Amino acid sequence: MLVCYELESPTKLTNEYLLEGPVVSKSLENLKINQHLTNFRPAEEQKKALIEISKMPKGMIYIARSGCEIVGYVTFHHPEEYFRWSKHPKLLELGGIEISPEWRKKGIAEALLKEAFRNPVIEEFIVVTLEFYWHWDLKGNGLEIFEYQKVLEKLFGVVSLKRRATDDPDITEHPANVLMVRYGNNVSTKEILLFEDMLFEGSTEFH
């Protein structure tokens, strides 16, 4: 029988789901994952990925759960080494957000983002999200690719992430791909300028 660890401070309880986070690895290990959370990898592999991210120095996982089942999540972590952004000392990547199809249209994605961005630690970082169209569930949402792009921009705009131009090849590979950025209130001007220089590789050398 699966036993749920009690959350120290549940942040939002509705008749249907609970928001919580950052969730520690031990708690994640004792939760089931909805089998339709497969946008990035098979569901059980996604659960393992969430656990691994939660163990990272800058890793944070926020989840929506129904009982003992994870039905949605958002992840934060330091960018992977092969991304140019990984060289910035004060950068945090919003790595992924996913809601199970049968739990969509309930405002869960927006609620998860708002809860995560209430964490004061967010204000210490430049948060970026790199949205690649091949991860989007266009069929499940019944939207065309650029319609879905606009939906994402509106969603992330709720927490003040704004679209930025860049020559990052991962973004320029397809016109639907998007880089969105938010500067934390405690990020210095020097750190912001450093990031601005990284948007276009040709503008400066970064060491």
N, C-alpha and C. Protein backbone atom coordinates (compact mmCIF):
# COMPACT_ATOMS: atom_id res chain seq x y z
N MET A 1 0.85 -1.21 0.00
CA MET A 1 0.00 0.00 0.00
C MET A 1 0.87 1.24 0.00
N LEU A 2 0.58 2.21 -0.83
CA LEU A 2 1.34 3.45 -0.91
C LEU A 2 0.96 4.36 0.24
N VAL A 3 1.96 4.87 0.94
CA VAL A 3 1.73 5.80 2.04
C VAL A 3 2.23 7.17 1.63
N CYS A 4 1.39 8.19 1.72
CA CYS A 4 1.80 9.55 1.41
C CYS A 4 2.47 10.18 2.62
N TYR A 5 3.61 10.81 2.41
CA TYR A 5 4.19 11.62 3.47
C TYR A 5 3.35 12.89 3.62
N GLU A 6 3.08 13.27 4.84
CA GLU A 6 2.31 14.48 5.08
C GLU A 6 3.15 15.70 4.72
N LEU A 7 2.57 16.62 4.03
CA LEU A 7 3.23 17.86 3.66
C LEU A 7 3.36 18.75 4.88
N GLU A 8 4.55 19.36 5.07
CA GLU A 8 4.76 20.24 6.22
C GLU A 8 3.84 21.45 6.17
N SER A 9 3.68 22.04 4.98
CA SER A 9 2.83 23.23 4.86
C SER A 9 2.09 23.22 3.54
N PRO A 10 0.95 22.50 3.47
CA PRO A 10 0.19 22.49 2.22
C PRO A 10 -0.20 23.91 1.83
N THR A 11 0.02 24.25 0.56
CA THR A 11 -0.16 25.64 0.16
C THR A 11 -1.52 25.92 -0.44
N LYS A 12 -2.14 24.94 -1.05
CA LYS A 12 -3.46 25.20 -1.62
C LYS A 12 -4.23 23.89 -1.66
N LEU A 13 -5.32 23.86 -0.98
CA LEU A 13 -6.15 22.66 -0.96
C LEU A 13 -7.49 22.99 -1.59
N THR A 14 -7.83 22.24 -2.63
CA THR A 14 -9.15 22.38 -3.23
C THR A 14 -9.85 21.05 -3.05
N ASN A 15 -11.04 20.97 -3.58
CA ASN A 15 -11.75 19.69 -3.51
C ASN A 15 -11.10 18.63 -4.38
N GLU A 16 -10.22 19.06 -5.29
CA GLU A 16 -9.66 18.12 -6.26
C GLU A 16 -8.17 17.88 -6.12
N TYR A 17 -7.41 18.92 -5.80
CA TYR A 17 -5.96 18.74 -5.80
C TYR A 17 -5.27 19.63 -4.77
N LEU A 18 -4.03 19.28 -4.47
CA LEU A 18 -3.19 20.01 -3.53
C LEU A 18 -1.93 20.46 -4.24
N LEU A 19 -1.53 21.71 -4.01
CA LEU A 19 -0.25 22.21 -4.51
C LEU A 19 0.78 22.14 -3.39
N GLU A 20 2.00 21.74 -3.73
CA GLU A 20 3.04 21.73 -2.72
C GLU A 20 4.41 21.87 -3.34
N GLY A 21 5.35 22.37 -2.56
CA GLY A 21 6.71 22.51 -3.04
C GLY A 21 7.47 23.58 -2.29
N PRO A 22 8.80 23.59 -2.43
CA PRO A 22 9.57 22.56 -3.13
C PRO A 22 9.46 21.21 -2.41
N VAL A 23 9.29 20.15 -3.16
CA VAL A 23 9.07 18.82 -2.62
C VAL A 23 10.40 18.07 -2.55
N VAL A 24 10.70 17.49 -1.41
CA VAL A 24 11.95 16.76 -1.24
C VAL A 24 11.84 15.38 -1.89
N SER A 25 12.99 14.79 -2.18
CA SER A 25 13.03 13.51 -2.91
C SER A 25 12.29 12.40 -2.17
N LYS A 26 12.39 12.38 -0.84
CA LYS A 26 11.74 11.32 -0.06
C LYS A 26 10.23 11.33 -0.27
N SER A 27 9.66 12.54 -0.31
CA SER A 27 8.21 12.64 -0.54
C SER A 27 7.84 12.21 -1.95
N LEU A 28 8.65 12.61 -2.93
CA LEU A 28 8.38 12.22 -4.31
C LEU A 28 8.44 10.71 -4.49
N GLU A 29 9.38 10.08 -3.82
CA GLU A 29 9.52 8.62 -3.93
C GLU A 29 8.27 7.90 -3.47
N ASN A 30 7.53 8.50 -2.55
CA ASN A 30 6.35 7.84 -1.99
C ASN A 30 5.04 8.30 -2.61
N LEU A 31 5.15 8.93 -3.75
CA LEU A 31 3.95 9.31 -4.50
C LEU A 31 3.91 8.53 -5.82
N LYS A 32 2.72 8.29 -6.31
CA LYS A 32 2.55 7.74 -7.65
C LYS A 32 2.61 8.89 -8.64
N ILE A 33 2.84 8.58 -9.89
CA ILE A 33 2.78 9.60 -10.93
C ILE A 33 1.71 9.22 -11.94
N ASN A 34 0.91 10.17 -12.32
CA ASN A 34 -0.12 9.94 -13.32
C ASN A 34 0.52 9.42 -14.60
N GLN A 35 -0.02 8.35 -15.14
CA GLN A 35 0.60 7.68 -16.28
C GLN A 35 0.48 8.44 -17.59
N HIS A 36 -0.25 9.57 -17.58
CA HIS A 36 -0.36 10.39 -18.79
C HIS A 36 0.64 11.55 -18.81
N LEU A 37 1.50 11.62 -17.79
CA LEU A 37 2.54 12.65 -17.77
C LEU A 37 3.74 12.16 -18.58
N THR A 38 3.62 12.25 -19.90
CA THR A 38 4.60 11.63 -20.79
C THR A 38 5.14 12.60 -21.85
N ASN A 39 4.96 13.90 -21.66
CA ASN A 39 5.43 14.85 -22.68
C ASN A 39 6.93 14.78 -22.91
N PHE A 40 7.69 14.51 -21.85
CA PHE A 40 9.15 14.53 -21.95
C PHE A 40 9.76 13.13 -21.97
N ARG A 41 9.11 12.19 -21.32
CA ARG A 41 9.61 10.81 -21.23
C ARG A 41 8.50 9.96 -20.63
N PRO A 42 8.62 8.62 -20.67
CA PRO A 42 7.58 7.79 -20.03
C PRO A 42 7.37 8.19 -18.57
N ALA A 43 6.16 8.00 -18.09
CA ALA A 43 5.78 8.52 -16.78
C ALA A 43 6.72 8.09 -15.65
N GLU A 44 7.05 6.82 -15.58
CA GLU A 44 7.91 6.36 -14.48
C GLU A 44 9.33 6.95 -14.60
N GLU A 45 9.78 7.14 -15.83
CA GLU A 45 11.08 7.79 -16.03
C GLU A 45 10.99 9.27 -15.63
N GLN A 46 9.83 9.88 -15.88
CA GLN A 46 9.65 11.27 -15.48
C GLN A 46 9.68 11.39 -13.96
N LYS A 47 9.08 10.45 -13.27
CA LYS A 47 9.14 10.47 -11.81
C LYS A 47 10.58 10.41 -11.33
N LYS A 48 11.39 9.54 -11.93
CA LYS A 48 12.80 9.45 -11.57
C LYS A 48 13.52 10.77 -11.82
N ALA A 49 13.17 11.41 -12.94
CA ALA A 49 13.79 12.70 -13.28
C ALA A 49 13.42 13.76 -12.23
N LEU A 50 12.16 13.76 -11.78
CA LEU A 50 11.74 14.71 -10.75
C LEU A 50 12.53 14.49 -9.46
N ILE A 51 12.73 13.24 -9.11
CA ILE A 51 13.49 12.92 -7.89
C ILE A 51 14.93 13.41 -8.02
N GLU A 52 15.53 13.17 -9.18
CA GLU A 52 16.92 13.59 -9.39
C GLU A 52 17.04 15.11 -9.35
N ILE A 53 16.10 15.81 -9.96
CA ILE A 53 16.14 17.27 -9.95
C ILE A 53 16.01 17.79 -8.52
N SER A 54 15.15 17.17 -7.73
CA SER A 54 14.94 17.62 -6.35
C SER A 54 16.21 17.50 -5.51
N LYS A 55 17.14 16.64 -5.93
CA LYS A 55 18.39 16.44 -5.19
C LYS A 55 19.50 17.39 -5.64
N MET A 56 19.28 18.11 -6.73
CA MET A 56 20.30 19.02 -7.24
C MET A 56 20.44 20.23 -6.32
N PRO A 57 21.64 20.85 -6.30
CA PRO A 57 21.84 22.03 -5.44
C PRO A 57 20.83 23.15 -5.65
N LYS A 58 20.47 23.42 -6.90
CA LYS A 58 19.48 24.46 -7.20
C LYS A 58 18.16 23.87 -7.67
N GLY A 59 17.98 22.58 -7.49
CA GLY A 59 16.78 21.93 -7.99
C GLY A 59 15.56 22.17 -7.10
N MET A 60 14.44 22.45 -7.73
CA MET A 60 13.17 22.61 -7.02
C MET A 60 12.06 21.97 -7.84
N ILE A 61 11.20 21.24 -7.15
CA ILE A 61 10.04 20.62 -7.78
C ILE A 61 8.79 21.09 -7.07
N TYR A 62 7.84 21.61 -7.82
CA TYR A 62 6.51 21.93 -7.31
C TYR A 62 5.53 20.99 -8.00
N ILE A 63 4.60 20.44 -7.22
CA ILE A 63 3.66 19.48 -7.80
C ILE A 63 2.22 19.84 -7.46
N ALA A 64 1.33 19.32 -8.29
CA ALA A 64 -0.09 19.26 -7.97
C ALA A 64 -0.41 17.79 -7.81
N ARG A 65 -1.06 17.44 -6.73
CA ARG A 65 -1.38 16.03 -6.55
C ARG A 65 -2.81 15.84 -6.11
N SER A 66 -3.36 14.71 -6.48
CA SER A 66 -4.67 14.28 -6.05
C SER A 66 -4.45 13.03 -5.22
N GLY A 67 -4.70 13.12 -3.93
CA GLY A 67 -4.35 11.99 -3.07
C GLY A 67 -2.86 11.76 -3.11
N CYS A 68 -2.46 10.56 -3.47
CA CYS A 68 -1.04 10.20 -3.55
C CYS A 68 -0.52 10.22 -4.98
N GLU A 69 -1.27 10.83 -5.90
CA GLU A 69 -0.87 10.82 -7.31
C GLU A 69 -0.48 12.21 -7.79
N ILE A 70 0.72 12.32 -8.36
CA ILE A 70 1.16 13.56 -8.99
C ILE A 70 0.40 13.73 -10.30
N VAL A 71 -0.29 14.85 -10.46
CA VAL A 71 -1.05 15.09 -11.69
C VAL A 71 -0.49 16.26 -12.49
N GLY A 72 0.47 16.95 -11.91
CA GLY A 72 1.12 18.05 -12.61
C GLY A 72 2.37 18.47 -11.86
N TYR A 73 3.28 19.13 -12.54
CA TYR A 73 4.53 19.54 -11.90
C TYR A 73 5.16 20.69 -12.67
N VAL A 74 6.06 21.39 -11.98
CA VAL A 74 6.95 22.36 -12.62
C VAL A 74 8.33 22.17 -12.00
N THR A 75 9.36 22.25 -12.82
CA THR A 75 10.73 21.99 -12.34
C THR A 75 11.61 23.22 -12.53
N PHE A 76 12.57 23.36 -11.61
CA PHE A 76 13.60 24.40 -11.69
C PHE A 76 14.95 23.76 -11.42
N HIS A 77 15.96 24.19 -12.17
CA HIS A 77 17.31 23.65 -11.96
C HIS A 77 18.32 24.53 -12.68
N HIS A 78 19.58 24.33 -12.38
CA HIS A 78 20.62 25.03 -13.13
C HIS A 78 20.64 24.48 -14.55
N PRO A 79 20.83 25.33 -15.56
CA PRO A 79 20.84 24.83 -16.94
C PRO A 79 21.92 23.78 -17.17
N GLU A 80 21.63 22.85 -18.06
CA GLU A 80 22.61 21.82 -18.39
C GLU A 80 23.84 22.46 -19.02
N GLU A 81 24.98 21.82 -18.86
CA GLU A 81 26.27 22.40 -19.26
C GLU A 81 26.34 22.76 -20.73
N TYR A 82 25.61 22.04 -21.58
CA TYR A 82 25.72 22.31 -23.02
C TYR A 82 24.93 23.56 -23.45
N PHE A 83 24.11 24.14 -22.55
CA PHE A 83 23.43 25.40 -22.86
C PHE A 83 24.34 26.56 -22.50
N ARG A 84 24.37 27.59 -23.32
CA ARG A 84 25.20 28.76 -23.04
C ARG A 84 24.86 29.40 -21.70
N TRP A 85 23.60 29.30 -21.30
CA TRP A 85 23.14 29.95 -20.08
C TRP A 85 23.76 29.35 -18.83
N SER A 86 24.30 28.14 -18.95
CA SER A 86 24.88 27.48 -17.78
C SER A 86 26.10 28.23 -17.24
N LYS A 87 26.69 29.11 -18.06
CA LYS A 87 27.88 29.84 -17.65
C LYS A 87 27.55 31.01 -16.73
N HIS A 88 26.28 31.37 -16.67
CA HIS A 88 25.89 32.51 -15.84
C HIS A 88 25.74 32.06 -14.38
N PRO A 89 26.34 32.78 -13.43
CA PRO A 89 26.32 32.34 -12.03
C PRO A 89 24.99 32.51 -11.31
N LYS A 90 24.09 33.33 -11.85
CA LYS A 90 22.85 33.61 -11.14
C LYS A 90 21.64 33.28 -12.01
N LEU A 91 21.69 32.12 -12.65
CA LEU A 91 20.63 31.77 -13.57
C LEU A 91 19.96 30.46 -13.15
N LEU A 92 18.65 30.43 -13.24
CA LEU A 92 17.84 29.27 -12.90
C LEU A 92 16.92 28.98 -14.07
N GLU A 93 16.88 27.74 -14.49
CA GLU A 93 16.02 27.37 -15.61
C GLU A 93 14.71 26.76 -15.12
N LEU A 94 13.61 27.29 -15.63
CA LEU A 94 12.33 26.63 -15.46
C LEU A 94 12.33 25.54 -16.53
N GLY A 95 12.61 24.34 -16.10
CA GLY A 95 12.92 23.28 -17.05
C GLY A 95 11.72 22.65 -17.72
N GLY A 96 10.62 22.53 -17.01
CA GLY A 96 9.46 21.89 -17.61
C GLY A 96 8.22 22.12 -16.76
N ILE A 97 7.09 22.18 -17.42
CA ILE A 97 5.80 22.22 -16.74
C ILE A 97 4.86 21.32 -17.51
N GLU A 98 4.14 20.48 -16.78
CA GLU A 98 3.26 19.51 -17.44
C GLU A 98 2.08 19.20 -16.54
N ILE A 99 0.92 19.16 -17.14
CA ILE A 99 -0.32 18.79 -16.45
C ILE A 99 -0.92 17.60 -17.19
N SER A 100 -1.34 16.59 -16.46
CA SER A 100 -1.97 15.42 -17.10
C SER A 100 -3.21 15.85 -17.86
N PRO A 101 -3.45 15.29 -19.06
CA PRO A 101 -4.57 15.72 -19.91
C PRO A 101 -5.92 15.79 -19.21
N GLU A 102 -6.23 14.80 -18.35
CA GLU A 102 -7.54 14.82 -17.72
C GLU A 102 -7.63 15.85 -16.58
N TRP A 103 -6.52 16.51 -16.28
CA TRP A 103 -6.51 17.53 -15.23
C TRP A 103 -6.33 18.94 -15.78
N ARG A 104 -6.36 19.07 -17.09
CA ARG A 104 -6.20 20.39 -17.69
C ARG A 104 -7.50 21.20 -17.62
N LYS A 105 -7.37 22.48 -17.91
CA LYS A 105 -8.48 23.43 -17.90
C LYS A 105 -9.08 23.58 -16.50
N LYS A 106 -8.23 23.41 -15.49
CA LYS A 106 -8.62 23.64 -14.11
C LYS A 106 -7.77 24.73 -13.46
N GLY A 107 -6.90 25.36 -14.28
CA GLY A 107 -6.05 26.42 -13.75
C GLY A 107 -4.83 25.92 -12.98
N ILE A 108 -4.50 24.64 -13.12
CA ILE A 108 -3.42 24.07 -12.32
C ILE A 108 -2.06 24.62 -12.74
N ALA A 109 -1.82 24.75 -14.03
CA ALA A 109 -0.51 25.24 -14.49
C ALA A 109 -0.25 26.64 -13.95
N GLU A 110 -1.22 27.52 -14.06
CA GLU A 110 -1.07 28.89 -13.56
C GLU A 110 -0.88 28.89 -12.05
N ALA A 111 -1.65 28.06 -11.35
CA ALA A 111 -1.54 27.99 -9.90
C ALA A 111 -0.16 27.49 -9.47
N LEU A 112 0.37 26.49 -10.17
CA LEU A 112 1.71 25.98 -9.86
C LEU A 112 2.77 27.06 -10.04
N LEU A 113 2.69 27.77 -11.15
CA LEU A 113 3.67 28.84 -11.41
C LEU A 113 3.59 29.92 -10.34
N LYS A 114 2.40 30.36 -10.02
CA LYS A 114 2.25 31.42 -9.02
C LYS A 114 2.80 30.97 -7.67
N GLU A 115 2.54 29.72 -7.32
CA GLU A 115 3.05 29.21 -6.04
C GLU A 115 4.58 29.16 -6.04
N ALA A 116 5.15 28.67 -7.13
CA ALA A 116 6.62 28.56 -7.21
C ALA A 116 7.27 29.94 -7.14
N PHE A 117 6.69 30.91 -7.82
CA PHE A 117 7.30 32.24 -7.87
C PHE A 117 7.03 33.07 -6.61
N ARG A 118 6.27 32.52 -5.69
CA ARG A 118 6.14 33.16 -4.37
C ARG A 118 7.37 32.86 -3.49
N ASN A 119 8.13 31.87 -3.86
CA ASN A 119 9.32 31.50 -3.09
C ASN A 119 10.34 32.63 -3.18
N PRO A 120 10.77 33.21 -2.06
CA PRO A 120 11.70 34.34 -2.08
C PRO A 120 13.01 34.05 -2.81
N VAL A 121 13.41 32.78 -2.87
CA VAL A 121 14.68 32.44 -3.53
C VAL A 121 14.65 32.79 -5.01
N ILE A 122 13.47 32.80 -5.61
CA ILE A 122 13.33 33.14 -7.03
C ILE A 122 13.88 34.54 -7.30
N GLU A 123 13.76 35.44 -6.34
CA GLU A 123 14.20 36.82 -6.53
C GLU A 123 15.71 36.95 -6.59
N GLU A 124 16.43 35.88 -6.29
CA GLU A 124 17.89 35.90 -6.33
C GLU A 124 18.43 35.52 -7.71
N PHE A 125 17.55 35.15 -8.62
CA PHE A 125 17.99 34.58 -9.89
C PHE A 125 17.34 35.25 -11.11
N ILE A 126 18.03 35.10 -12.23
CA ILE A 126 17.42 35.31 -13.53
C ILE A 126 16.80 33.97 -13.91
N VAL A 127 15.51 33.93 -14.09
CA VAL A 127 14.83 32.68 -14.46
C VAL A 127 14.59 32.68 -15.96
N VAL A 128 14.98 31.60 -16.62
CA VAL A 128 14.72 31.46 -18.05
C VAL A 128 13.92 30.19 -18.29
N THR A 129 13.13 30.21 -19.33
CA THR A 129 12.51 28.98 -19.81
C THR A 129 12.72 28.91 -21.31
N LEU A 130 13.16 27.77 -21.78
CA LEU A 130 13.39 27.53 -23.21
C LEU A 130 12.29 26.59 -23.68
N GLU A 131 11.37 27.10 -24.45
CA GLU A 131 10.22 26.32 -24.88
C GLU A 131 10.43 25.83 -26.31
N PHE A 132 10.49 24.49 -26.46
CA PHE A 132 10.71 23.86 -27.75
C PHE A 132 9.43 23.20 -28.22
N TYR A 133 9.04 23.50 -29.44
CA TYR A 133 7.73 23.06 -29.93
C TYR A 133 7.57 21.55 -29.93
N TRP A 134 8.65 20.80 -30.03
CA TRP A 134 8.52 19.34 -30.12
C TRP A 134 8.08 18.72 -28.78
N HIS A 135 8.08 19.50 -27.72
CA HIS A 135 7.57 19.00 -26.44
C HIS A 135 6.10 19.33 -26.23
N TRP A 136 5.51 20.08 -27.13
CA TRP A 136 4.15 20.56 -26.92
C TRP A 136 3.12 19.52 -27.33
N ASP A 137 2.11 19.35 -26.50
CA ASP A 137 1.04 18.41 -26.80
C ASP A 137 -0.02 19.09 -27.65
N LEU A 138 0.31 19.31 -28.91
CA LEU A 138 -0.60 20.02 -29.81
C LEU A 138 -1.87 19.22 -30.05
N LYS A 139 -1.72 17.93 -30.22
CA LYS A 139 -2.88 17.07 -30.48
C LYS A 139 -3.83 17.08 -29.29
N GLY A 140 -3.26 16.94 -28.09
CA GLY A 140 -4.08 16.89 -26.89
C GLY A 140 -4.80 18.19 -26.61
N ASN A 141 -4.18 19.31 -27.03
CA ASN A 141 -4.79 20.62 -26.79
C ASN A 141 -5.64 21.10 -27.95
N GLY A 142 -5.50 20.45 -29.10
CA GLY A 142 -6.29 20.83 -30.27
C GLY A 142 -5.94 22.19 -30.83
N LEU A 143 -4.66 22.58 -30.68
CA LEU A 143 -4.22 23.90 -31.14
C LEU A 143 -3.17 23.78 -32.23
N GLU A 144 -3.12 24.80 -33.08
CA GLU A 144 -2.03 24.89 -34.04
C GLU A 144 -0.78 25.36 -33.30
N ILE A 145 0.37 25.16 -33.93
CA ILE A 145 1.64 25.39 -33.25
C ILE A 145 1.80 26.82 -32.73
N PHE A 146 1.45 27.82 -33.54
CA PHE A 146 1.63 29.20 -33.09
C PHE A 146 0.51 29.65 -32.14
N GLU A 147 -0.63 28.98 -32.20
CA GLU A 147 -1.66 29.23 -31.20
C GLU A 147 -1.17 28.76 -29.83
N TYR A 148 -0.52 27.60 -29.82
CA TYR A 148 -0.01 27.07 -28.57
C TYR A 148 1.12 27.94 -28.04
N GLN A 149 1.94 28.45 -28.94
CA GLN A 149 3.00 29.37 -28.54
C GLN A 149 2.43 30.57 -27.79
N LYS A 150 1.35 31.13 -28.30
CA LYS A 150 0.71 32.29 -27.66
C LYS A 150 0.14 31.91 -26.29
N VAL A 151 -0.39 30.70 -26.19
CA VAL A 151 -0.92 30.22 -24.91
C VAL A 151 0.20 30.16 -23.88
N LEU A 152 1.35 29.64 -24.29
CA LEU A 152 2.49 29.55 -23.38
C LEU A 152 2.98 30.93 -22.96
N GLU A 153 3.07 31.83 -23.90
CA GLU A 153 3.52 33.19 -23.57
C GLU A 153 2.58 33.83 -22.56
N LYS A 154 1.28 33.63 -22.73
CA LYS A 154 0.31 34.18 -21.79
C LYS A 154 0.46 33.52 -20.42
N LEU A 155 0.64 32.19 -20.41
CA LEU A 155 0.79 31.46 -19.15
C LEU A 155 2.01 31.94 -18.38
N PHE A 156 3.17 31.98 -19.03
CA PHE A 156 4.39 32.39 -18.34
C PHE A 156 4.38 33.88 -18.00
N GLY A 157 3.60 34.64 -18.76
CA GLY A 157 3.47 36.06 -18.46
C GLY A 157 2.81 36.31 -17.11
N VAL A 158 2.06 35.34 -16.62
CA VAL A 158 1.41 35.45 -15.31
C VAL A 158 2.44 35.68 -14.21
N VAL A 159 3.66 35.13 -14.38
CA VAL A 159 4.72 35.30 -13.39
C VAL A 159 5.83 36.20 -13.93
N SER A 160 5.46 37.05 -14.89
CA SER A 160 6.35 38.11 -15.42
C SER A 160 7.53 37.61 -16.25
N LEU A 161 7.45 36.39 -16.77
CA LEU A 161 8.43 35.97 -17.76
C LEU A 161 8.08 36.63 -19.09
N LYS A 162 9.09 37.17 -19.75
CA LYS A 162 8.87 37.88 -21.01
C LYS A 162 9.74 37.28 -22.12
N ARG A 163 9.17 37.26 -23.32
CA ARG A 163 9.89 36.71 -24.46
C ARG A 163 11.08 37.60 -24.82
N ARG A 164 12.22 36.95 -25.11
CA ARG A 164 13.41 37.68 -25.49
C ARG A 164 14.00 37.08 -26.78
N ALA A 165 14.55 37.97 -27.61
CA ALA A 165 15.22 37.52 -28.83
C ALA A 165 16.62 37.02 -28.47
N THR A 166 17.10 36.04 -29.22
CA THR A 166 18.42 35.48 -29.00
C THR A 166 18.87 34.76 -30.27
N ASP A 167 20.19 34.57 -30.38
CA ASP A 167 20.68 33.76 -31.50
C ASP A 167 21.05 32.35 -31.04
N ASP A 168 20.59 31.97 -29.86
CA ASP A 168 20.81 30.60 -29.36
C ASP A 168 20.26 29.62 -30.40
N PRO A 169 21.11 28.73 -30.92
CA PRO A 169 20.65 27.83 -31.99
C PRO A 169 19.50 26.92 -31.59
N ASP A 170 19.38 26.61 -30.31
CA ASP A 170 18.25 25.79 -29.87
C ASP A 170 16.93 26.52 -30.04
N ILE A 171 16.96 27.85 -29.93
CA ILE A 171 15.76 28.65 -30.11
C ILE A 171 15.53 28.97 -31.59
N THR A 172 16.58 29.32 -32.29
CA THR A 172 16.44 29.72 -33.70
C THR A 172 16.21 28.53 -34.63
N GLU A 173 16.34 27.32 -34.12
CA GLU A 173 16.13 26.12 -34.94
C GLU A 173 14.73 26.09 -35.54
N HIS A 174 13.75 26.65 -34.82
CA HIS A 174 12.37 26.69 -35.34
C HIS A 174 11.72 27.98 -34.86
N PRO A 175 10.95 28.66 -35.72
CA PRO A 175 10.34 29.95 -35.34
C PRO A 175 9.34 29.86 -34.20
N ALA A 176 8.88 28.67 -33.88
CA ALA A 176 7.93 28.53 -32.76
C ALA A 176 8.63 28.44 -31.41
N ASN A 177 9.92 28.10 -31.42
CA ASN A 177 10.65 27.99 -30.17
C ASN A 177 10.79 29.36 -29.52
N VAL A 178 10.77 29.39 -28.20
CA VAL A 178 10.71 30.66 -27.47
C VAL A 178 11.66 30.64 -26.27
N LEU A 179 12.36 31.76 -26.08
CA LEU A 179 13.11 32.01 -24.84
C LEU A 179 12.34 33.07 -24.06
N MET A 180 12.05 32.78 -22.78
CA MET A 180 11.39 33.76 -21.93
C MET A 180 12.22 33.96 -20.67
N VAL A 181 12.20 35.18 -20.15
CA VAL A 181 13.15 35.57 -19.10
C VAL A 181 12.44 36.41 -18.03
N ARG A 182 12.86 36.23 -16.79
CA ARG A 182 12.41 37.08 -15.69
C ARG A 182 13.62 37.40 -14.81
N TYR A 183 13.80 38.69 -14.50
CA TYR A 183 14.88 39.12 -13.62
C TYR A 183 14.36 39.21 -12.18
N GLY A 184 15.01 38.49 -11.28
CA GLY A 184 14.63 38.57 -9.88
C GLY A 184 14.92 39.95 -9.31
N ASN A 185 14.16 40.34 -8.31
CA ASN A 185 14.30 41.67 -7.73
C ASN A 185 15.67 41.92 -7.10
N ASN A 186 16.36 40.85 -6.69
CA ASN A 186 17.65 40.99 -6.03
C ASN A 186 18.84 40.72 -6.95
N VAL A 187 18.57 40.58 -8.24
CA VAL A 187 19.65 40.37 -9.21
C VAL A 187 20.29 41.72 -9.51
N SER A 188 21.61 41.77 -9.47
CA SER A 188 22.32 43.03 -9.67
C SER A 188 22.32 43.47 -11.13
N THR A 189 22.55 44.76 -11.34
CA THR A 189 22.65 45.29 -12.69
C THR A 189 23.79 44.61 -13.45
N LYS A 190 24.89 44.36 -12.77
CA LYS A 190 26.03 43.69 -13.40
C LYS A 190 25.63 42.30 -13.91
N GLU A 191 24.87 41.56 -13.11
CA GLU A 191 24.45 40.22 -13.50
C GLU A 191 23.45 40.27 -14.65
N ILE A 192 22.61 41.30 -14.67
CA ILE A 192 21.65 41.45 -15.77
C ILE A 192 22.40 41.77 -17.07
N LEU A 193 23.37 42.67 -16.99
CA LEU A 193 24.13 43.03 -18.18
C LEU A 193 24.92 41.83 -18.70
N LEU A 194 25.42 41.03 -17.79
CA LEU A 194 26.14 39.82 -18.19
C LEU A 194 25.23 38.89 -18.98
N PHE A 195 24.00 38.75 -18.50
CA PHE A 195 23.04 37.92 -19.22
C PHE A 195 22.68 38.53 -20.57
N GLU A 196 22.47 39.83 -20.59
CA GLU A 196 22.12 40.50 -21.85
C GLU A 196 23.20 40.26 -22.90
N ASP A 197 24.46 40.26 -22.48
CA ASP A 197 25.56 40.01 -23.41
C ASP A 197 25.53 38.59 -23.96
N MET A 198 24.93 37.68 -23.21
CA MET A 198 24.89 36.28 -23.63
C MET A 198 23.77 35.97 -24.61
N LEU A 199 22.82 36.89 -24.76
CA LEU A 199 21.70 36.63 -25.65
C LEU A 199 22.15 36.44 -27.09
N PHE A 200 23.18 37.21 -27.48
CA PHE A 200 23.72 37.08 -28.84
C PHE A 200 25.23 36.85 -28.72
N GLU A 201 25.65 35.67 -29.12
CA GLU A 201 27.05 35.28 -28.93
C GLU A 201 28.02 36.23 -29.61
N GLY A 202 27.59 36.82 -30.71
CA GLY A 202 28.49 37.69 -31.44
C GLY A 202 28.75 39.02 -30.78
N SER A 203 27.96 39.33 -29.72
CA SER A 203 28.08 40.66 -29.11
C SER A 203 29.24 40.79 -28.16
N THR A 204 29.70 39.67 -27.58
CA THR A 204 30.81 39.73 -26.63
C THR A 204 31.36 38.35 -26.40
N GLU A 205 32.55 38.31 -25.85
CA GLU A 205 33.13 37.03 -25.43
C GLU A 205 32.78 36.85 -23.97
N PHE A 206 32.38 35.66 -23.61
CA PHE A 206 32.04 35.35 -22.22
C PHE A 206 33.03 34.33 -21.70
N HIS A 207 33.70 34.67 -20.62
CA HIS A 207 34.69 33.75 -20.03
C HIS A 207 34.37 33.54 -18.56
